[in-house]
Amino acid sequence: MGSNGQQEDIVIFGHWVPKEGKMNELLEAFSPVLKYASQNTNTISCFYLLKEKKEDNTGALITSSCFKTRKAYEEYLSSPERATLHNICKRQGLLIEPQREQTLETAAGFPFRSTGVHSAPGVHAAMAKIQYAPGMRSQGIQHWQKVAASVEEKEKEGTYSYWFLTDPDDADVLYSLERYKDAAYLWDVHVPSEAIQQNIQRQKDIRTGLLLRVFASVE
């Protein structure tokens, strides 16, 4: 619990880069961890396993998870299921480089809809790294808060997550995770919306870069 008595969400993006030809083995190695997450929904708000969409199957896997307390996160770190995953990766030489975990903080939006799809195979996901001019990220967050409110109200049918997060170690960067029922909903419904079109104009002078990656939910 935080000092104000509220639960302290711990948001972690895990980065996993498989060696060539090892993607399927890496996906299989996640089975015990996914089962752990599904059995601990009282302490784990969400646990998404996302596979980068690349035709040559060389993309990364990213886990996007939210633990309700630091204790819940520590219990996951010390769980046999996580140990099994790491042992398989090491024993079978599945990764190009050591797995990396990134701790982020929610700034706007929502990780899931309380009455909607939390996770399902094939859900289309987009992740972005947004670079702002020095000192302008807070203004960008204010714009995204307005967009997220519109999305939550008007895109109930097909936008499952619309989540914006800050990195405590980089004051000029904002990360996003957006999950849609399919790619068509993103491009045909979300992008043309009034909220997004206005946001593009409002942020064009404060944003200096955008790196966008697309994924499909594995689980």
Protein backbone atom coordinates (compact mmCIF):
# COMPACT_ATOMS: atom_id res chain seq x y z
CA MET A 1 0.00 0.00 0.00
CA GLY A 2 1.17 3.53 -0.64
CA SER A 3 1.57 6.10 2.08
CA ASN A 4 -1.93 7.44 1.34
CA GLY A 5 -3.47 4.01 1.82
CA GLN A 6 -3.98 3.38 -1.90
CA GLN A 7 -2.70 0.32 -3.70
CA GLU A 8 0.58 0.91 -5.48
CA ASP A 9 0.38 -0.47 -9.00
CA ILE A 10 3.68 -1.83 -10.32
CA VAL A 11 3.81 -1.71 -14.11
CA ILE A 12 6.48 -3.79 -15.83
CA PHE A 13 7.29 -4.15 -19.51
CA GLY A 14 9.49 -7.19 -20.07
CA HIS A 15 11.60 -7.36 -23.25
CA TRP A 16 12.52 -10.78 -24.68
CA VAL A 17 14.45 -11.14 -27.96
CA PRO A 18 14.68 -14.74 -29.21
CA LYS A 19 17.47 -16.12 -31.32
CA GLU A 20 16.67 -16.91 -34.95
CA GLY A 21 14.34 -19.90 -35.16
CA LYS A 22 13.66 -19.93 -31.40
CA MET A 23 10.40 -17.97 -31.26
CA ASN A 24 8.12 -21.00 -30.89
CA GLU A 25 10.28 -22.50 -28.14
CA LEU A 26 10.21 -19.17 -26.29
CA LEU A 27 6.44 -18.97 -26.56
CA GLU A 28 6.11 -22.49 -25.16
CA ALA A 29 8.42 -21.57 -22.27
CA PHE A 30 5.95 -18.89 -21.17
CA SER A 31 3.20 -21.44 -20.43
CA PRO A 32 3.83 -21.72 -16.67
CA VAL A 33 4.06 -17.94 -16.24
CA LEU A 34 0.79 -17.38 -18.12
CA LYS A 35 -0.88 -19.99 -15.94
CA TYR A 36 0.49 -18.25 -12.83
CA ALA A 37 -0.94 -14.92 -13.97
CA SER A 38 -4.35 -16.43 -14.72
CA GLN A 39 -4.45 -18.00 -11.25
CA ASN A 40 -3.53 -14.76 -9.46
CA THR A 41 -5.91 -12.20 -10.94
CA ASN A 42 -6.61 -10.89 -7.44
CA THR A 43 -3.05 -9.47 -7.33
CA ILE A 44 -2.18 -9.18 -11.03
CA SER A 45 -4.43 -6.70 -12.86
CA CYS A 46 -3.20 -7.70 -16.31
CA PHE A 47 -0.48 -9.78 -17.92
CA TYR A 48 -0.25 -9.48 -21.70
CA LEU A 49 2.13 -11.53 -23.82
CA LEU A 50 2.67 -9.69 -27.11
CA LYS A 51 4.47 -11.01 -30.18
CA GLU A 52 5.91 -8.44 -32.55
CA LYS A 53 4.44 -8.65 -36.05
CA LYS A 54 7.31 -9.31 -38.43
CA GLU A 55 7.02 -11.49 -41.51
CA ASP A 56 10.36 -13.20 -40.89
CA ASN A 57 9.35 -14.11 -37.32
CA THR A 58 12.39 -12.31 -35.86
CA GLY A 59 10.50 -9.84 -33.69
CA ALA A 60 10.59 -9.60 -29.93
CA LEU A 61 8.17 -10.73 -27.27
CA ILE A 62 7.02 -8.13 -24.77
CA THR A 63 5.18 -8.80 -21.55
CA SER A 64 3.04 -5.95 -20.26
CA SER A 65 1.95 -6.52 -16.70
CA CYS A 66 0.42 -4.62 -13.82
CA PHE A 67 0.76 -5.90 -10.25
CA LYS A 68 -1.53 -4.40 -7.62
CA THR A 69 1.20 -4.16 -4.97
CA ARG A 70 4.97 -4.42 -4.77
CA LYS A 71 4.53 -7.56 -2.67
CA ALA A 72 2.59 -9.18 -5.53
CA TYR A 73 5.40 -8.31 -7.93
CA GLU A 74 8.05 -9.70 -5.57
CA GLU A 75 6.05 -12.92 -5.18
CA TYR A 76 5.97 -13.28 -8.95
CA LEU A 77 9.72 -12.68 -9.20
CA SER A 78 10.38 -15.46 -6.69
CA SER A 79 7.77 -17.88 -8.05
CA PRO A 80 8.74 -21.33 -9.35
CA GLU A 81 6.94 -20.52 -12.61
CA ARG A 82 9.19 -17.56 -13.35
CA ALA A 83 12.26 -19.59 -12.36
CA THR A 84 11.17 -22.32 -14.79
CA LEU A 85 10.86 -19.78 -17.62
CA HIS A 86 14.34 -18.38 -17.02
CA ASN A 87 15.88 -21.84 -16.65
CA ILE A 88 14.41 -22.96 -19.97
CA CYS A 89 15.67 -19.83 -21.70
CA LYS A 90 19.16 -20.39 -20.33
CA ARG A 91 19.31 -24.14 -20.83
CA GLN A 92 18.00 -24.04 -24.40
CA GLY A 93 19.80 -20.82 -25.34
CA LEU A 94 16.63 -19.10 -26.52
CA LEU A 95 17.59 -15.43 -26.16
CA ILE A 96 19.97 -13.15 -28.05
CA GLU A 97 20.55 -11.07 -24.92
CA PRO A 98 19.45 -11.20 -21.28
CA GLN A 99 15.79 -10.44 -20.72
CA ARG A 100 15.21 -6.84 -19.63
CA GLU A 101 12.49 -5.46 -17.39
CA GLN A 102 11.36 -1.85 -17.57
CA THR A 103 9.45 -0.26 -14.68
CA LEU A 104 6.92 2.36 -15.78
CA GLU A 105 4.26 4.52 -14.18
CA THR A 106 0.73 5.11 -15.45
CA ALA A 107 0.20 8.68 -16.69
CA ALA A 108 -3.10 8.46 -18.60
CA GLY A 109 -5.62 6.05 -20.04
CA PHE A 110 -6.50 2.52 -18.98
CA PRO A 111 -4.81 -0.92 -19.25
CA PHE A 112 -8.11 -2.74 -19.85
CA ARG A 113 -11.86 -2.31 -19.71
CA SER A 114 -13.43 -3.74 -16.57
CA THR A 115 -16.22 -5.35 -18.59
CA GLY A 116 -14.27 -6.10 -21.77
CA VAL A 117 -11.61 -8.41 -23.10
CA HIS A 118 -8.55 -8.43 -20.85
CA SER A 119 -6.52 -10.73 -23.02
CA ALA A 120 -7.15 -12.96 -25.99
CA PRO A 121 -5.07 -14.48 -28.78
CA GLY A 122 -4.88 -12.35 -31.91
CA VAL A 123 -5.81 -8.98 -30.40
CA HIS A 124 -4.00 -6.24 -32.35
CA ALA A 125 -1.61 -4.17 -30.25
CA ALA A 126 0.44 -1.08 -30.96
CA MET A 127 3.24 0.17 -28.73
CA ALA A 128 4.85 3.57 -29.14
CA LYS A 129 7.81 5.45 -27.72
CA ILE A 130 6.98 9.16 -27.96
CA GLN A 131 9.81 11.66 -27.63
CA TYR A 132 8.99 15.18 -26.44
CA ALA A 133 10.93 18.40 -26.54
CA PRO A 134 12.61 19.06 -23.17
CA GLY A 135 10.04 19.95 -20.52
CA MET A 136 7.02 19.31 -22.75
CA ARG A 137 6.02 15.78 -21.73
CA SER A 138 3.60 17.00 -19.04
CA GLN A 139 1.73 19.01 -21.65
CA GLY A 140 1.64 15.96 -23.90
CA ILE A 141 0.19 13.87 -21.07
CA GLN A 142 -2.59 16.41 -20.59
CA HIS A 143 -3.53 16.03 -24.25
CA TRP A 144 -3.50 12.22 -24.01
CA GLN A 145 -5.70 12.32 -20.91
CA LYS A 146 -8.38 14.07 -22.95
CA VAL A 147 -8.03 11.61 -25.82
CA ALA A 148 -8.17 8.64 -23.45
CA ALA A 149 -11.40 9.94 -21.89
CA SER A 150 -12.96 10.16 -25.35
CA VAL A 151 -11.72 6.68 -26.28
CA GLU A 152 -13.09 5.15 -23.09
CA GLU A 153 -16.49 6.69 -23.80
CA LYS A 154 -16.81 6.30 -27.56
CA GLU A 155 -14.76 3.22 -28.50
CA LYS A 156 -16.26 0.60 -26.22
CA GLU A 157 -16.70 -1.88 -29.05
CA GLY A 158 -13.11 -2.25 -30.16
CA THR A 159 -10.49 -0.46 -28.05
CA TYR A 160 -9.47 -2.75 -25.19
CA SER A 161 -6.46 -0.82 -23.79
CA TYR A 162 -5.37 2.78 -24.16
CA TRP A 163 -2.50 3.17 -21.74
CA PHE A 164 0.17 5.87 -21.48
CA LEU A 165 3.16 5.43 -19.19
CA THR A 166 6.19 7.38 -18.06
CA ASP A 167 9.73 6.14 -17.53
CA PRO A 168 11.13 7.58 -14.26
CA ASP A 169 14.61 7.54 -15.84
CA ASP A 170 13.70 9.62 -18.92
CA ALA A 171 11.68 12.81 -18.37
CA ASP A 172 11.10 13.46 -22.08
CA VAL A 173 9.67 10.09 -23.15
CA LEU A 174 6.15 8.68 -22.97
CA TYR A 175 5.28 5.05 -23.77
CA SER A 176 1.93 3.76 -24.93
CA LEU A 177 0.16 0.43 -25.22
CA GLU A 178 -2.99 0.32 -27.34
CA ARG A 179 -4.99 -2.87 -27.86
CA TYR A 180 -7.76 -3.22 -30.46
CA LYS A 181 -10.02 -6.03 -31.61
CA ASP A 182 -8.19 -5.89 -34.96
CA ALA A 183 -6.00 -3.62 -37.07
CA ALA A 184 -8.98 -2.36 -39.07
CA TYR A 185 -10.59 -0.91 -35.95
CA LEU A 186 -7.40 1.05 -35.21
CA TRP A 187 -7.10 2.56 -38.68
CA ASP A 188 -10.76 2.84 -39.69
CA VAL A 189 -12.32 3.93 -36.39
CA HIS A 190 -9.74 5.18 -33.91
CA VAL A 191 -7.30 7.12 -36.10
CA PRO A 192 -9.96 9.11 -38.04
CA SER A 193 -11.76 10.08 -34.79
CA GLU A 194 -12.14 13.76 -33.93
CA ALA A 195 -10.18 13.28 -30.70
CA ILE A 196 -7.14 11.87 -32.51
CA GLN A 197 -7.20 14.37 -35.34
CA GLN A 198 -7.33 17.26 -32.86
CA ASN A 199 -4.57 15.67 -30.81
CA ILE A 200 -2.27 15.43 -33.83
CA GLN A 201 -2.54 19.17 -34.31
CA ARG A 202 -2.10 19.97 -30.63
CA GLN A 203 1.03 17.87 -30.23
CA LYS A 204 2.84 18.49 -33.50
CA ASP A 205 4.97 21.30 -32.04
CA ILE A 206 5.91 19.60 -28.76
CA ARG A 207 6.68 16.08 -30.00
CA THR A 208 10.07 15.42 -31.57
CA GLY A 209 9.93 11.72 -32.40
CA LEU A 210 7.76 8.61 -32.56
CA LEU A 211 8.78 4.94 -32.72
CA LEU A 212 5.81 2.66 -33.39
CA ARG A 213 5.80 -1.14 -33.21
CA VAL A 214 2.90 -3.52 -33.83
CA PHE A 215 2.13 -6.76 -32.03
CA ALA A 216 -0.42 -9.52 -31.76
CA SER A 217 -1.57 -10.86 -28.41
CA VAL A 218 -0.42 -14.40 -27.80
CA GLU A 219 -2.47 -14.63 -24.59
